[in-house]
Amino acid sequence: MTSIKTAVSIQKDLFDQAEILAHEMNISRSRLFVLALEDFIRRYQNQRLLREINAAYEDEQEASDATYLRKMRRQHRQIVEGEW
């Protein structure tokens, strides 16, 4: 996989916390930032998927369908929000 160097500006306090965490995890600061960004992207994509699912369920349904769809929404929300 190709790597690209980049520079970002962050608050000193956040940098210090990242330094400590990377040391505790025995990984490089760069690896910590990659892990954090990968996690953020995955969570964002899950939230976007949840919004799309909810939009698809917005159509009016029969009463029995509505109950089923509420249960499915709750389950999808728990899956996505449990990761957030």
C-alpha atoms as a PDB file:
ATOM      1  CA  MET A   1       0.000   0.000   0.000  1.00  0.00           C
ATOM      2  CA  THR A   2       1.324   3.423  -0.918  1.00  0.00           C
ATOM      3  CA  SER A   3       1.858   5.838   1.955  1.00  0.00           C
ATOM      4  CA  ILE A   4       1.658   9.600   1.723  1.00  0.00           C
ATOM      5  CA  LYS A   5       3.219  11.969   4.214  1.00  0.00           C
ATOM      6  CA  THR A   6       1.052  14.807   5.401  1.00  0.00           C
ATOM      7  CA  ALA A   7       1.189  17.529   7.984  1.00  0.00           C
ATOM      8  CA  VAL A   8      -1.731  18.457  10.188  1.00  0.00           C
ATOM      9  CA  SER A   9      -2.112  21.077  12.866  1.00  0.00           C
ATOM     10  CA  ILE A  10      -3.660  19.983  16.147  1.00  0.00           C
ATOM     11  CA  GLN A  11      -3.903  21.485  19.601  1.00  0.00           C
ATOM     12  CA  LYS A  12      -0.936  20.791  21.878  1.00  0.00           C
ATOM     13  CA  ASP A  13      -3.127  19.056  24.453  1.00  0.00           C
ATOM     14  CA  LEU A  14      -4.469  16.654  21.824  1.00  0.00           C
ATOM     15  CA  PHE A  15      -0.951  16.015  20.550  1.00  0.00           C
ATOM     16  CA  ASP A  16       0.246  15.258  24.088  1.00  0.00           C
ATOM     17  CA  GLN A  17      -2.615  12.819  24.614  1.00  0.00           C
ATOM     18  CA  ALA A  18      -1.811  11.115  21.298  1.00  0.00           C
ATOM     19  CA  GLU A  19       1.838  10.802  22.322  1.00  0.00           C
ATOM     20  CA  ILE A  20       0.887   9.152  25.611  1.00  0.00           C
ATOM     21  CA  LEU A  21      -1.625   6.812  23.991  1.00  0.00           C
ATOM     22  CA  ALA A  22       0.762   5.770  21.219  1.00  0.00           C
ATOM     23  CA  HIS A  23       3.407   5.027  23.842  1.00  0.00           C
ATOM     24  CA  GLU A  24       0.940   3.000  25.944  1.00  0.00           C
ATOM     25  CA  MET A  25      -0.179   1.051  22.870  1.00  0.00           C
ATOM     26  CA  ASN A  26       3.438   0.589  21.775  1.00  0.00           C
ATOM     27  CA  ILE A  27       2.715   1.955  18.299  1.00  0.00           C
ATOM     28  CA  SER A  28       3.983   4.954  16.402  1.00  0.00           C
ATOM     29  CA  ARG A  29       2.119   8.231  16.503  1.00  0.00           C
ATOM     30  CA  SER A  30       1.544   7.875  12.754  1.00  0.00           C
ATOM     31  CA  ARG A  31      -0.035   4.451  13.267  1.00  0.00           C
ATOM     32  CA  LEU A  32      -2.278   5.874  15.992  1.00  0.00           C
ATOM     33  CA  PHE A  33      -3.485   8.619  13.638  1.00  0.00           C
ATOM     34  CA  VAL A  34      -4.139   6.056  10.877  1.00  0.00           C
ATOM     35  CA  LEU A  35      -6.142   3.856  13.256  1.00  0.00           C
ATOM     36  CA  ALA A  36      -8.155   6.839  14.457  1.00  0.00           C
ATOM     37  CA  LEU A  37      -8.910   8.023  10.932  1.00  0.00           C
ATOM     38  CA  GLU A  38      -9.885   4.536   9.770  1.00  0.00           C
ATOM     39  CA  ASP A  39     -12.240   4.233  12.724  1.00  0.00           C
ATOM     40  CA  PHE A  40     -13.745   7.667  12.082  1.00  0.00           C
ATOM     41  CA  ILE A  41     -14.346   6.870   8.405  1.00  0.00           C
ATOM     42  CA  ARG A  42     -15.946   3.500   9.225  1.00  0.00           C
ATOM     43  CA  ARG A  43     -18.258   5.081  11.787  1.00  0.00           C
ATOM     44  CA  TYR A  44     -19.184   7.890   9.407  1.00  0.00           C
ATOM     45  CA  GLN A  45     -20.022   5.374   6.670  1.00  0.00           C
ATOM     46  CA  ASN A  46     -22.157   3.395   9.129  1.00  0.00           C
ATOM     47  CA  GLN A  47     -24.040   6.550  10.130  1.00  0.00           C
ATOM     48  CA  ARG A  48     -24.568   7.431   6.458  1.00  0.00           C
ATOM     49  CA  LEU A  49     -25.897   3.916   5.820  1.00  0.00           C
ATOM     50  CA  LEU A  50     -28.276   4.261   8.770  1.00  0.00           C
ATOM     51  CA  ARG A  51     -29.591   7.565   7.337  1.00  0.00           C
ATOM     52  CA  GLU A  52     -30.127   5.884   3.965  1.00  0.00           C
ATOM     53  CA  ILE A  53     -31.929   2.952   5.587  1.00  0.00           C
ATOM     54  CA  ASN A  54     -34.141   5.316   7.579  1.00  0.00           C
ATOM     55  CA  ALA A  55     -34.945   7.292   4.417  1.00  0.00           C
ATOM     56  CA  ALA A  56     -35.939   4.071   2.654  1.00  0.00           C
ATOM     57  CA  TYR A  57     -38.298   3.214   5.537  1.00  0.00           C
ATOM     58  CA  GLU A  58     -40.008   6.617   5.556  1.00  0.00           C
ATOM     59  CA  ASP A  59     -42.756   5.509   3.145  1.00  0.00           C
ATOM     60  CA  GLU A  60     -46.133   4.761   4.727  1.00  0.00           C
ATOM     61  CA  GLN A  61     -46.561   1.113   5.638  1.00  0.00           C
ATOM     62  CA  GLU A  62     -49.375  -1.129   6.804  1.00  0.00           C
ATOM     63  CA  ALA A  63     -49.622  -1.527  10.590  1.00  0.00           C
ATOM     64  CA  SER A  64     -47.947  -4.957  10.597  1.00  0.00           C
ATOM     65  CA  ASP A  65     -45.157  -3.673   8.361  1.00  0.00           C
ATOM     66  CA  ALA A  66     -44.683  -0.612  10.554  1.00  0.00           C
ATOM     67  CA  THR A  67     -44.101  -2.770  13.645  1.00  0.00           C
ATOM     68  CA  TYR A  68     -41.601  -4.922  11.792  1.00  0.00           C
ATOM     69  CA  LEU A  69     -39.799  -1.895  10.391  1.00  0.00           C
ATOM     70  CA  ARG A  70     -39.572  -0.250  13.835  1.00  0.00           C
ATOM     71  CA  LYS A  71     -37.861  -3.364  15.144  1.00  0.00           C
ATOM     72  CA  MET A  72     -35.463  -3.400  12.190  1.00  0.00           C
ATOM     73  CA  ARG A  73     -34.655   0.298  12.641  1.00  0.00           C
ATOM     74  CA  ARG A  74     -33.982  -0.227  16.340  1.00  0.00           C
ATOM     75  CA  GLN A  75     -31.657  -3.133  15.542  1.00  0.00           C
ATOM     76  CA  HIS A  76     -29.814  -1.169  12.836  1.00  0.00           C
ATOM     77  CA  ARG A  77     -29.487   1.817  15.178  1.00  0.00           C
ATOM     78  CA  GLN A  78     -28.077  -0.375  17.932  1.00  0.00           C
ATOM     79  CA  ILE A  79     -25.538  -1.870  15.557  1.00  0.00           C
ATOM     80  CA  VAL A  80     -24.379   1.501  14.226  1.00  0.00           C
ATOM     81  CA  GLU A  81     -24.584   3.503  17.429  1.00  0.00           C
ATOM     82  CA  GLY A  82     -22.950   0.729  19.397  1.00  0.00           C
ATOM     83  CA  GLU A  83     -19.869   1.303  17.289  1.00  0.00           C
ATOM     84  CA  TRP A  84     -19.987   5.085  17.646  1.00  0.00           C
END
